[in-house]
Amino acid sequence: MKIVMAIIKPFKLEEVRDALTGIGVHGLTVTEVKGYGRQKGHTEIYRGAEYAVSFLPKLKIEVAVAADLVTSVIDTIAGSARTGQIGDGKIFVMPLEKAIRIRTGETDADAL
């Protein structure tokens, strides 16, 4: 089992969620986050004044999946979140040692 964590642009959430549902992913967690990458933010002009925006709003999506689905989940997220512009995001994959469904007590792959 693995946890796939993706940092994406907020307006891409529905597209990513629909694409993941299409490949059989049944649940995900979404968190609002802020951060920056290589571009270290950007500047905006508001009412004639220039402002530096250091931390850009992003969404963090976390999906727990069986090991055999990891490649298709990564490809799906990357394909549906890509705009071709700076700041499209990143995908991280981490091992998941154990999963337990609290309501039923199911463990590991059955709990996903």
PDB file of N, CA and C in Angstrom:
ATOM      1  N   MET A   1       0.833  -1.176   0.000  1.00  0.00           N
ATOM      2  CA  MET A   1       0.000   0.000   0.000  1.00  0.00           C
ATOM      3  C   MET A   1       0.883   1.246   0.000  1.00  0.00           C
ATOM      4  N   LYS A   2       0.367   2.282  -0.618  1.00  0.00           N
ATOM      5  CA  LYS A   2       1.104   3.540  -0.735  1.00  0.00           C
ATOM      6  C   LYS A   2       0.164   4.710  -0.493  1.00  0.00           C
ATOM      7  N   ILE A   3       0.748   5.835  -0.079  1.00  0.00           N
ATOM      8  CA  ILE A   3       0.015   7.092  -0.036  1.00  0.00           C
ATOM      9  C   ILE A   3       0.581   7.962  -1.146  1.00  0.00           C
ATOM     10  N   VAL A   4      -0.296   8.420  -2.022  1.00  0.00           N
ATOM     11  CA  VAL A   4       0.091   9.336  -3.082  1.00  0.00           C
ATOM     12  C   VAL A   4      -0.385  10.722  -2.658  1.00  0.00           C
ATOM     13  N   MET A   5       0.562  11.637  -2.540  1.00  0.00           N
ATOM     14  CA  MET A   5       0.253  13.008  -2.125  1.00  0.00           C
ATOM     15  C   MET A   5       0.577  13.926  -3.300  1.00  0.00           C
ATOM     16  N   ALA A   6      -0.380  14.753  -3.662  1.00  0.00           N
ATOM     17  CA  ALA A   6      -0.190  15.671  -4.785  1.00  0.00           C
ATOM     18  C   ALA A   6      -0.512  17.088  -4.338  1.00  0.00           C
ATOM     19  N   ILE A   7       0.334  18.022  -4.735  1.00  0.00           N
ATOM     20  CA  ILE A   7       0.099  19.442  -4.520  1.00  0.00           C
ATOM     21  C   ILE A   7      -0.313  20.011  -5.880  1.00  0.00           C
ATOM     22  N   ILE A   8      -1.535  20.554  -5.961  1.00  0.00           N
ATOM     23  CA  ILE A   8      -2.054  21.007  -7.251  1.00  0.00           C
ATOM     24  C   ILE A   8      -2.643  22.409  -7.140  1.00  0.00           C
ATOM     25  N   LYS A   9      -2.945  23.008  -8.289  1.00  0.00           N
ATOM     26  CA  LYS A   9      -3.633  24.297  -8.321  1.00  0.00           C
ATOM     27  C   LYS A   9      -5.092  24.075  -7.922  1.00  0.00           C
ATOM     28  N   PRO A  10      -5.669  24.990  -7.141  1.00  0.00           N
ATOM     29  CA  PRO A  10      -7.030  24.792  -6.634  1.00  0.00           C
ATOM     30  C   PRO A  10      -8.107  24.576  -7.699  1.00  0.00           C
ATOM     31  N   PHE A  11      -8.013  25.257  -8.825  1.00  0.00           N
ATOM     32  CA  PHE A  11      -9.070  25.134  -9.826  1.00  0.00           C
ATOM     33  C   PHE A  11      -9.047  23.798 -10.563  1.00  0.00           C
ATOM     34  N   LYS A  12      -8.029  22.963 -10.320  1.00  0.00           N
ATOM     35  CA  LYS A  12      -7.934  21.661 -10.967  1.00  0.00           C
ATOM     36  C   LYS A  12      -8.540  20.533 -10.124  1.00  0.00           C
ATOM     37  N   LEU A  13      -9.062  20.849  -8.938  1.00  0.00           N
ATOM     38  CA  LEU A  13      -9.544  19.808  -8.022  1.00  0.00           C
ATOM     39  C   LEU A  13     -10.642  18.948  -8.625  1.00  0.00           C
ATOM     40  N   GLU A  14     -11.671  19.551  -9.170  1.00  0.00           N
ATOM     41  CA  GLU A  14     -12.791  18.770  -9.702  1.00  0.00           C
ATOM     42  C   GLU A  14     -12.347  17.857 -10.836  1.00  0.00           C
ATOM     43  N   GLU A  15     -11.488  18.362 -11.689  1.00  0.00           N
ATOM     44  CA  GLU A  15     -10.987  17.556 -12.804  1.00  0.00           C
ATOM     45  C   GLU A  15     -10.183  16.360 -12.298  1.00  0.00           C
ATOM     46  N   VAL A  16      -9.330  16.584 -11.300  1.00  0.00           N
ATOM     47  CA  VAL A  16      -8.530  15.494 -10.724  1.00  0.00           C
ATOM     48  C   VAL A  16      -9.445  14.487 -10.020  1.00  0.00           C
ATOM     49  N   ARG A  17     -10.409  14.977  -9.246  1.00  0.00           N
ATOM     50  CA  ARG A  17     -11.325  14.080  -8.532  1.00  0.00           C
ATOM     51  C   ARG A  17     -12.119  13.215  -9.503  1.00  0.00           C
ATOM     52  N   ASP A  18     -12.636  13.808 -10.557  1.00  0.00           N
ATOM     53  CA  ASP A  18     -13.401  13.048 -11.547  1.00  0.00           C
ATOM     54  C   ASP A  18     -12.534  12.003 -12.239  1.00  0.00           C
ATOM     55  N   ALA A  19     -11.295  12.363 -12.548  1.00  0.00           N
ATOM     56  CA  ALA A  19     -10.386  11.424 -13.205  1.00  0.00           C
ATOM     57  C   ALA A  19     -10.040  10.262 -12.276  1.00  0.00           C
ATOM     58  N   LEU A  20      -9.812  10.545 -10.991  1.00  0.00           N
ATOM     59  CA  LEU A  20      -9.504   9.480 -10.037  1.00  0.00           C
ATOM     60  C   LEU A  20     -10.704   8.565  -9.826  1.00  0.00           C
ATOM     61  N   THR A  21     -11.887   9.128  -9.771  1.00  0.00           N
ATOM     62  CA  THR A  21     -13.093   8.314  -9.646  1.00  0.00           C
ATOM     63  C   THR A  21     -13.236   7.403 -10.858  1.00  0.00           C
ATOM     64  N   GLY A  22     -12.865   7.898 -12.010  1.00  0.00           N
ATOM     65  CA  GLY A  22     -12.938   7.122 -13.239  1.00  0.00           C
ATOM     66  C   GLY A  22     -12.041   5.900 -13.261  1.00  0.00           C
ATOM     67  N   ILE A  23     -10.957   5.910 -12.503  1.00  0.00           N
ATOM     68  CA  ILE A  23     -10.068   4.742 -12.479  1.00  0.00           C
ATOM     69  C   ILE A  23     -10.310   3.866 -11.246  1.00  0.00           C
ATOM     70  N   GLY A  24     -11.332   4.210 -10.450  1.00  0.00           N
ATOM     71  CA  GLY A  24     -11.703   3.348  -9.334  1.00  0.00           C
ATOM     72  C   GLY A  24     -11.185   3.762  -7.977  1.00  0.00           C
ATOM     73  N   VAL A  25     -10.681   4.980  -7.833  1.00  0.00           N
ATOM     74  CA  VAL A  25     -10.250   5.460  -6.518  1.00  0.00           C
ATOM     75  C   VAL A  25     -11.501   5.958  -5.795  1.00  0.00           C
ATOM     76  N   HIS A  26     -11.754   5.427  -4.588  1.00  0.00           N
ATOM     77  CA  HIS A  26     -13.018   5.703  -3.906  1.00  0.00           C
ATOM     78  C   HIS A  26     -12.945   6.802  -2.872  1.00  0.00           C
ATOM     79  N   GLY A  27     -11.775   7.191  -2.436  1.00  0.00           N
ATOM     80  CA  GLY A  27     -11.711   8.226  -1.418  1.00  0.00           C
ATOM     81  C   GLY A  27     -10.412   9.003  -1.498  1.00  0.00           C
ATOM     82  N   LEU A  28     -10.476  10.255  -1.075  1.00  0.00           N
ATOM     83  CA  LEU A  28      -9.273  11.075  -1.018  1.00  0.00           C
ATOM     84  C   LEU A  28      -9.478  12.159   0.024  1.00  0.00           C
ATOM     85  N   THR A  29      -8.381  12.723   0.476  1.00  0.00           N
ATOM     86  CA  THR A  29      -8.409  13.805   1.445  1.00  0.00           C
ATOM     87  C   THR A  29      -7.826  15.040   0.789  1.00  0.00           C
ATOM     88  N   VAL A  30      -8.490  16.179   0.976  1.00  0.00           N
ATOM     89  CA  VAL A  30      -8.048  17.439   0.380  1.00  0.00           C
ATOM     90  C   VAL A  30      -7.800  18.445   1.494  1.00  0.00           C
ATOM     91  N   THR A  31      -6.646  19.103   1.452  1.00  0.00           N
ATOM     92  CA  THR A  31      -6.284  20.116   2.428  1.00  0.00           C
ATOM     93  C   THR A  31      -5.855  21.375   1.692  1.00  0.00           C
ATOM     94  N   GLU A  32      -6.297  22.538   2.183  1.00  0.00           N
ATOM     95  CA  GLU A  32      -5.831  23.799   1.616  1.00  0.00           C
ATOM     96  C   GLU A  32      -4.472  24.115   2.217  1.00  0.00           C
ATOM     97  N   VAL A  33      -3.485  24.358   1.363  1.00  0.00           N
ATOM     98  CA  VAL A  33      -2.125  24.662   1.812  1.00  0.00           C
ATOM     99  C   VAL A  33      -1.613  25.886   1.069  1.00  0.00           C
ATOM    100  N   LYS A  34      -0.509  26.426   1.528  1.00  0.00           N
ATOM    101  CA  LYS A  34       0.177  27.521   0.842  1.00  0.00           C
ATOM    102  C   LYS A  34       1.642  27.167   0.738  1.00  0.00           C
ATOM    103  N   GLY A  35       2.279  27.624  -0.315  1.00  0.00           N
ATOM    104  CA  GLY A  35       3.698  27.342  -0.469  1.00  0.00           C
ATOM    105  C   GLY A  35       4.244  27.981  -1.725  1.00  0.00           C
ATOM    106  N   TYR A  36       5.490  27.664  -2.000  1.00  0.00           N
ATOM    107  CA  TYR A  36       6.121  28.139  -3.221  1.00  0.00           C
ATOM    108  C   TYR A  36       7.167  27.134  -3.654  1.00  0.00           C
ATOM    109  N   GLY A  37       7.513  27.200  -4.912  1.00  0.00           N
ATOM    110  CA  GLY A  37       8.526  26.320  -5.476  1.00  0.00           C
ATOM    111  C   GLY A  37       9.702  27.138  -5.962  1.00  0.00           C
ATOM    112  N   ARG A  38      10.224  26.767  -7.097  1.00  0.00           N
ATOM    113  CA  ARG A  38      11.390  27.455  -7.641  1.00  0.00           C
ATOM    114  C   ARG A  38      11.126  28.922  -7.938  1.00  0.00           C
ATOM    115  N   GLN A  39       9.886  29.261  -8.284  1.00  0.00           N
ATOM    116  CA  GLN A  39       9.590  30.644  -8.649  1.00  0.00           C
ATOM    117  C   GLN A  39       9.506  31.556  -7.434  1.00  0.00           C
ATOM    118  N   LYS A  40       9.411  31.010  -6.234  1.00  0.00           N
ATOM    119  CA  LYS A  40       9.379  31.773  -4.973  1.00  0.00           C
ATOM    120  C   LYS A  40       8.294  32.840  -4.964  1.00  0.00           C
ATOM    121  N   GLY A  41       7.104  32.466  -5.432  1.00  0.00           N
ATOM    122  CA  GLY A  41       5.981  33.396  -5.439  1.00  0.00           C
ATOM    123  C   GLY A  41       5.966  34.241  -6.698  1.00  0.00           C
ATOM    124  N   HIS A  42       5.237  35.345  -6.652  1.00  0.00           N
ATOM    125  CA  HIS A  42       5.164  36.253  -7.790  1.00  0.00           C
ATOM    126  C   HIS A  42       4.704  37.624  -7.290  1.00  0.00           C
ATOM    127  N   THR A  43       4.659  38.572  -8.198  1.00  0.00           N
ATOM    128  CA  THR A  43       4.186  39.912  -7.836  1.00  0.00           C
ATOM    129  C   THR A  43       2.856  40.168  -8.514  1.00  0.00           C
ATOM    130  N   GLU A  44       1.991  40.899  -7.822  1.00  0.00           N
ATOM    131  CA  GLU A  44       0.699  41.278  -8.374  1.00  0.00           C
ATOM    132  C   GLU A  44       0.548  42.787  -8.263  1.00  0.00           C
ATOM    133  N   ILE A  45      -0.231  43.348  -9.161  1.00  0.00           N
ATOM    134  CA  ILE A  45      -0.516  44.782  -9.106  1.00  0.00           C
ATOM    135  C   ILE A  45      -1.968  44.946  -8.678  1.00  0.00           C
ATOM    136  N   TYR A  46      -2.181  45.681  -7.587  1.00  0.00           N
ATOM    137  CA  TYR A  46      -3.515  45.916  -7.062  1.00  0.00           C
ATOM    138  C   TYR A  46      -3.682  47.406  -6.804  1.00  0.00           C
ATOM    139  N   ARG A  47      -4.623  48.018  -7.492  1.00  0.00           N
ATOM    140  CA  ARG A  47      -4.885  49.459  -7.383  1.00  0.00           C
ATOM    141  C   ARG A  47      -3.616  50.287  -7.582  1.00  0.00           C
ATOM    142  N   GLY A  48      -2.845  49.901  -8.555  1.00  0.00           N
ATOM    143  CA  GLY A  48      -1.654  50.660  -8.916  1.00  0.00           C
ATOM    144  C   GLY A  48      -0.415  50.356  -8.103  1.00  0.00           C
ATOM    145  N   ALA A  49      -0.554  49.590  -7.033  1.00  0.00           N
ATOM    146  CA  ALA A  49       0.613  49.254  -6.201  1.00  0.00           C
ATOM    147  C   ALA A  49       1.019  47.805  -6.470  1.00  0.00           C
ATOM    148  N   GLU A  50       2.316  47.556  -6.426  1.00  0.00           N
ATOM    149  CA  GLU A  50       2.843  46.229  -6.676  1.00  0.00           C
ATOM    150  C   GLU A  50       3.056  45.507  -5.351  1.00  0.00           C
ATOM    151  N   TYR A  51       2.552  44.276  -5.267  1.00  0.00           N
ATOM    152  CA  TYR A  51       2.663  43.472  -4.051  1.00  0.00           C
ATOM    153  C   TYR A  51       3.376  42.164  -4.359  1.00  0.00           C
ATOM    154  N   ALA A  52       4.242  41.757  -3.453  1.00  0.00           N
ATOM    155  CA  ALA A  52       4.914  40.465  -3.590  1.00  0.00           C
ATOM    156  C   ALA A  52       4.079  39.410  -2.878  1.00  0.00           C
ATOM    157  N   VAL A  53       3.708  38.358  -3.595  1.00  0.00           N
ATOM    158  CA  VAL A  53       2.965  37.238  -3.024  1.00  0.00           C
ATOM    159  C   VAL A  53       3.961  36.101  -2.871  1.00  0.00           C
ATOM    160  N   SER A  54       4.370  35.831  -1.629  1.00  0.00           N
ATOM    161  CA  SER A  54       5.395  34.822  -1.389  1.00  0.00           C
ATOM    162  C   SER A  54       4.835  33.416  -1.357  1.00  0.00           C
ATOM    163  N   PHE A  55       3.668  33.238  -0.764  1.00  0.00           N
ATOM    164  CA  PHE A  55       3.077  31.912  -0.631  1.00  0.00           C
ATOM    165  C   PHE A  55       1.806  31.843  -1.465  1.00  0.00           C
ATOM    166  N   LEU A  56       1.784  30.902  -2.392  1.00  0.00           N
ATOM    167  CA  LEU A  56       0.660  30.753  -3.301  1.00  0.00           C
ATOM    168  C   LEU A  56      -0.314  29.712  -2.766  1.00  0.00           C
ATOM    169  N   PRO A  57      -1.614  29.929  -2.923  1.00  0.00           N
ATOM    170  CA  PRO A  57      -2.589  28.940  -2.454  1.00  0.00           C
ATOM    171  C   PRO A  57      -2.562  27.693  -3.340  1.00  0.00           C
ATOM    172  N   LYS A  58      -2.549  26.541  -2.703  1.00  0.00           N
ATOM    173  CA  LYS A  58      -2.541  25.254  -3.396  1.00  0.00           C
ATOM    174  C   LYS A  58      -3.478  24.316  -2.654  1.00  0.00           C
ATOM    175  N   LEU A  59      -3.711  23.144  -3.224  1.00  0.00           N
ATOM    176  CA  LEU A  59      -4.446  22.083  -2.555  1.00  0.00           C
ATOM    177  C   LEU A  59      -3.557  20.863  -2.461  1.00  0.00           C
ATOM    178  N   LYS A  60      -3.619  20.192  -1.314  1.00  0.00           N
ATOM    179  CA  LYS A  60      -2.892  18.933  -1.138  1.00  0.00           C
ATOM    180  C   LYS A  60      -3.916  17.811  -1.156  1.00  0.00           C
ATOM    181  N   ILE A  61      -3.732  16.870  -2.068  1.00  0.00           N
ATOM    182  CA  ILE A  61      -4.605  15.708  -2.182  1.00  0.00           C
ATOM    183  C   ILE A  61      -3.826  14.494  -1.694  1.00  0.00           C
ATOM    184  N   GLU A  62      -4.430  13.714  -0.814  1.00  0.00           N
ATOM    185  CA  GLU A  62      -3.811  12.487  -0.336  1.00  0.00           C
ATOM    186  C   GLU A  62      -4.726  11.318  -0.663  1.00  0.00           C
ATOM    187  N   VAL A  63      -4.145  10.289  -1.281  1.00  0.00           N
ATOM    188  CA  VAL A  63      -4.898   9.110  -1.685  1.00  0.00           C
ATOM    189  C   VAL A  63      -4.141   7.877  -1.217  1.00  0.00           C
ATOM    190  N   ALA A  64      -4.822   7.003  -0.462  1.00  0.00           N
ATOM    191  CA  ALA A  64      -4.227   5.729  -0.058  1.00  0.00           C
ATOM    192  C   ALA A  64      -4.693   4.670  -1.055  1.00  0.00           C
ATOM    193  N   VAL A  65      -3.735   3.983  -1.683  1.00  0.00           N
ATOM    194  CA  VAL A  65      -4.072   3.001  -2.715  1.00  0.00           C
ATOM    195  C   VAL A  65      -3.228   1.743  -2.559  1.00  0.00           C
ATOM    196  N   ALA A  66      -3.697   0.669  -3.157  1.00  0.00           N
ATOM    197  CA  ALA A  66      -2.917  -0.562  -3.225  1.00  0.00           C
ATOM    198  C   ALA A  66      -1.715  -0.319  -4.135  1.00  0.00           C
ATOM    199  N   ALA A  67      -0.648  -1.049  -3.890  1.00  0.00           N
ATOM    200  CA  ALA A  67       0.607  -0.835  -4.613  1.00  0.00           C
ATOM    201  C   ALA A  67       0.444  -0.980  -6.126  1.00  0.00           C
ATOM    202  N   ASP A  68      -0.469  -1.845  -6.579  1.00  0.00           N
ATOM    203  CA  ASP A  68      -0.611  -2.057  -8.018  1.00  0.00           C
ATOM    204  C   ASP A  68      -1.328  -0.898  -8.727  1.00  0.00           C
ATOM    205  N   LEU A  69      -1.969  -0.003  -7.972  1.00  0.00           N
ATOM    206  CA  LEU A  69      -2.654   1.140  -8.575  1.00  0.00           C
ATOM    207  C   LEU A  69      -1.819   2.414  -8.607  1.00  0.00           C
ATOM    208  N   VAL A  70      -0.640   2.398  -7.992  1.00  0.00           N
ATOM    209  CA  VAL A  70       0.147   3.621  -7.827  1.00  0.00           C
ATOM    210  C   VAL A  70       0.473   4.281  -9.162  1.00  0.00           C
ATOM    211  N   THR A  71       0.934   3.527 -10.116  1.00  0.00           N
ATOM    212  CA  THR A  71       1.326   4.101 -11.409  1.00  0.00           C
ATOM    213  C   THR A  71       0.143   4.748 -12.113  1.00  0.00           C
ATOM    214  N   SER A  72      -1.009   4.088 -12.106  1.00  0.00           N
ATOM    215  CA  SER A  72      -2.171   4.671 -12.782  1.00  0.00           C
ATOM    216  C   SER A  72      -2.685   5.904 -12.038  1.00  0.00           C
ATOM    217  N   VAL A  73      -2.590   5.922 -10.696  1.00  0.00           N
ATOM    218  CA  VAL A  73      -3.004   7.100  -9.935  1.00  0.00           C
ATOM    219  C   VAL A  73      -2.083   8.276 -10.246  1.00  0.00           C
ATOM    220  N   ILE A  74      -0.775   8.024 -10.286  1.00  0.00           N
ATOM    221  CA  ILE A  74       0.188   9.090 -10.611  1.00  0.00           C
ATOM    222  C   ILE A  74      -0.068   9.636 -12.005  1.00  0.00           C
ATOM    223  N   ASP A  75      -0.242   8.754 -12.976  1.00  0.00           N
ATOM    224  CA  ASP A  75      -0.488   9.192 -14.354  1.00  0.00           C
ATOM    225  C   ASP A  75      -1.787   9.981 -14.463  1.00  0.00           C
ATOM    226  N   THR A  76      -2.810   9.549 -13.732  1.00  0.00           N
ATOM    227  CA  THR A  76      -4.105  10.223 -13.766  1.00  0.00           C
ATOM    228  C   THR A  76      -4.019  11.617 -13.164  1.00  0.00           C
ATOM    229  N   ILE A  77      -3.375  11.725 -11.995  1.00  0.00           N
ATOM    230  CA  ILE A  77      -3.235  13.042 -11.359  1.00  0.00           C
ATOM    231  C   ILE A  77      -2.402  13.970 -12.224  1.00  0.00           C
ATOM    232  N   ALA A  78      -1.274  13.470 -12.711  1.00  0.00           N
ATOM    233  CA  ALA A  78      -0.389  14.304 -13.525  1.00  0.00           C
ATOM    234  C   ALA A  78      -1.092  14.775 -14.792  1.00  0.00           C
ATOM    235  N   GLY A  79      -1.833  13.901 -15.424  1.00  0.00           N
ATOM    236  CA  GLY A  79      -2.517  14.266 -16.659  1.00  0.00           C
ATOM    237  C   GLY A  79      -3.650  15.252 -16.457  1.00  0.00           C
ATOM    238  N   SER A  80      -4.403  15.079 -15.382  1.00  0.00           N
ATOM    239  CA  SER A  80      -5.568  15.943 -15.179  1.00  0.00           C
ATOM    240  C   SER A  80      -5.221  17.261 -14.487  1.00  0.00           C
ATOM    241  N   ALA A  81      -4.088  17.330 -13.780  1.00  0.00           N
ATOM    242  CA  ALA A  81      -3.703  18.563 -13.088  1.00  0.00           C
ATOM    243  C   ALA A  81      -2.776  19.447 -13.922  1.00  0.00           C
ATOM    244  N   ARG A  82      -2.271  18.929 -15.021  1.00  0.00           N
ATOM    245  CA  ARG A  82      -1.290  19.670 -15.825  1.00  0.00           C
ATOM    246  C   ARG A  82      -1.950  20.802 -16.606  1.00  0.00           C
ATOM    247  N   THR A  83      -1.363  21.999 -16.485  1.00  0.00           N
ATOM    248  CA  THR A  83      -1.784  23.137 -17.304  1.00  0.00           C
ATOM    249  C   THR A  83      -0.668  23.561 -18.245  1.00  0.00           C
ATOM    250  N   GLY A  84       0.558  23.123 -17.967  1.00  0.00           N
ATOM    251  CA  GLY A  84       1.701  23.532 -18.761  1.00  0.00           C
ATOM    252  C   GLY A  84       2.330  24.821 -18.278  1.00  0.00           C
ATOM    253  N   GLN A  85       1.797  25.374 -17.203  1.00  0.00           N
ATOM    254  CA  GLN A  85       2.306  26.630 -16.658  1.00  0.00           C
ATOM    255  C   GLN A  85       3.154  26.366 -15.415  1.00  0.00           C
ATOM    256  N   ILE A  86       3.935  27.350 -15.015  1.00  0.00           N
ATOM    257  CA  ILE A  86       4.718  27.254 -13.786  1.00  0.00           C
ATOM    258  C   ILE A  86       3.768  27.089 -12.610  1.00  0.00           C
ATOM    259  N   GLY A  87       4.122  26.209 -11.682  1.00  0.00           N
ATOM    260  CA  GLY A  87       3.326  26.033 -10.475  1.00  0.00           C
ATOM    261  C   GLY A  87       2.261  24.968 -10.570  1.00  0.00           C
ATOM    262  N   ASP A  88       2.368  24.064 -11.539  1.00  0.00           N
ATOM    263  CA  ASP A  88       1.383  22.989 -11.664  1.00  0.00           C
ATOM    264  C   ASP A  88       1.379  22.060 -10.455  1.00  0.00           C
ATOM    265  N   GLY A  89       2.497  21.941  -9.766  1.00  0.00           N
ATOM    266  CA  GLY A  89       2.514  21.133  -8.545  1.00  0.00           C
ATOM    267  C   GLY A  89       3.503  19.995  -8.585  1.00  0.00           C
ATOM    268  N   LYS A  90       3.373  19.134  -7.583  1.00  0.00           N
ATOM    269  CA  LYS A  90       4.268  17.986  -7.440  1.00  0.00           C
ATOM    270  C   LYS A  90       3.462  16.792  -6.944  1.00  0.00           C
ATOM    271  N   ILE A  91       4.010  15.595  -7.167  1.00  0.00           N
ATOM    272  CA  ILE A  91       3.411  14.357  -6.664  1.00  0.00           C
ATOM    273  C   ILE A  91       4.473  13.619  -5.869  1.00  0.00           C
ATOM    274  N   PHE A  92       4.099  13.162  -4.673  1.00  0.00           N
ATOM    275  CA  PHE A  92       4.995  12.397  -3.812  1.00  0.00           C
ATOM    276  C   PHE A  92       4.339  11.056  -3.503  1.00  0.00           C
ATOM    277  N   VAL A  93       5.152  10.005  -3.413  1.00  0.00           N
ATOM    278  CA  VAL A  93       4.649   8.677  -3.079  1.00  0.00           C
ATOM    279  C   VAL A  93       5.393   8.189  -1.843  1.00  0.00           C
ATOM    280  N   MET A  94       4.600   7.733  -0.850  1.00  0.00           N
ATOM    281  CA  MET A  94       5.182   7.262   0.408  1.00  0.00           C
ATOM    282  C   MET A  94       4.612   5.890   0.748  1.00  0.00           C
ATOM    283  N   PRO A  95       5.396   5.060   1.419  1.00  0.00           N
ATOM    284  CA  PRO A  95       4.866   3.760   1.836  1.00  0.00           C
ATOM    285  C   PRO A  95       3.820   3.912   2.939  1.00  0.00           C
ATOM    286  N   LEU A  96       2.860   3.010   2.960  1.00  0.00           N
ATOM    287  CA  LEU A  96       1.816   2.980   3.972  1.00  0.00           C
ATOM    288  C   LEU A  96       1.873   1.620   4.651  1.00  0.00           C
ATOM    289  N   GLU A  97       2.250   1.607   5.910  1.00  0.00           N
ATOM    290  CA  GLU A  97       2.444   0.341   6.612  1.00  0.00           C
ATOM    291  C   GLU A  97       1.143  -0.347   6.990  1.00  0.00           C
ATOM    292  N   LYS A  98       0.175   0.407   7.458  1.00  0.00           N
ATOM    293  CA  LYS A  98      -1.050  -0.205   7.945  1.00  0.00           C
ATOM    294  C   LYS A  98      -2.213   0.753   7.753  1.00  0.00           C
ATOM    295  N   ALA A  99      -3.376   0.205   7.457  1.00  0.00           N
ATOM    296  CA  ALA A  99      -4.609   0.974   7.362  1.00  0.00           C
ATOM    297  C   ALA A  99      -5.695   0.209   8.099  1.00  0.00           C
ATOM    298  N   ILE A 100      -6.482   0.922   8.888  1.00  0.00           N
ATOM    299  CA  ILE A 100      -7.553   0.290   9.657  1.00  0.00           C
ATOM    300  C   ILE A 100      -8.817   1.123   9.487  1.00  0.00           C
ATOM    301  N   ARG A 101      -9.898   0.455   9.084  1.00  0.00           N
ATOM    302  CA  ARG A 101     -11.199   1.133   9.012  1.00  0.00           C
ATOM    303  C   ARG A 101     -11.802   1.076  10.410  1.00  0.00           C
ATOM    304  N   ILE A 102     -12.031   2.230  11.008  1.00  0.00           N
ATOM    305  CA  ILE A 102     -12.465   2.305  12.396  1.00  0.00           C
ATOM    306  C   ILE A 102     -13.824   1.635  12.602  1.00  0.00           C
ATOM    307  N   ARG A 103     -14.753   1.883  11.706  1.00  0.00           N
ATOM    308  CA  ARG A 103     -16.120   1.368  11.883  1.00  0.00           C
ATOM    309  C   ARG A 103     -16.190  -0.151  11.915  1.00  0.00           C
ATOM    310  N   THR A 104     -15.481  -0.808  10.975  1.00  0.00           N
ATOM    311  CA  THR A 104     -15.611  -2.264  10.842  1.00  0.00           C
ATOM    312  C   THR A 104     -14.413  -3.045  11.373  1.00  0.00           C
ATOM    313  N   GLY A 105     -13.288  -2.369  11.560  1.00  0.00           N
ATOM    314  CA  GLY A 105     -12.086  -3.061  11.997  1.00  0.00           C
ATOM    315  C   GLY A 105     -11.304  -3.707  10.869  1.00  0.00           C
ATOM    316  N   GLU A 106     -11.747  -3.516   9.621  1.00  0.00           N
ATOM    317  CA  GLU A 106     -11.015  -4.071   8.477  1.00  0.00           C
ATOM    318  C   GLU A 106      -9.623  -3.471   8.443  1.00  0.00           C
ATOM    319  N   THR A 107      -8.655  -4.237   7.963  1.00  0.00           N
ATOM    320  CA  THR A 107      -7.286  -3.760   7.928  1.00  0.00           C
ATOM    321  C   THR A 107      -6.718  -3.829   6.526  1.00  0.00           C
ATOM    322  N   ASP A 108      -5.647  -3.064   6.349  1.00  0.00           N
ATOM    323  CA  ASP A 108      -4.841  -3.019   5.128  1.00  0.00           C
ATOM    324  C   ASP A 108      -5.684  -2.792   3.870  1.00  0.00           C
ATOM    325  N   ALA A 109      -5.538  -3.618   2.837  1.00  0.00           N
ATOM    326  CA  ALA A 109      -6.206  -3.368   1.556  1.00  0.00           C
ATOM    327  C   ALA A 109      -7.716  -3.381   1.693  1.00  0.00           C
ATOM    328  N   ASP A 110      -8.264  -4.191   2.605  1.00  0.00           N
ATOM    329  CA  ASP A 110      -9.727  -4.220   2.807  1.00  0.00           C
ATOM    330  C   ASP A 110     -10.235  -2.896   3.377  1.00  0.00           C
ATOM    331  N   ALA A 111      -9.393  -2.183   4.122  1.00  0.00           N
ATOM    332  CA  ALA A 111      -9.800  -0.922   4.728  1.00  0.00           C
ATOM    333  C   ALA A 111      -9.804   0.223   3.731  1.00  0.00           C
ATOM    334  N   LEU A 112      -9.107   0.064   2.613  1.00  0.00           N
ATOM    335  CA  LEU A 112      -9.055   1.135   1.621  1.00  0.00           C
ATOM    336  C   LEU A 112     -10.345   1.162   0.849  1.00  0.00           C
TER     337      LEU A 112
END
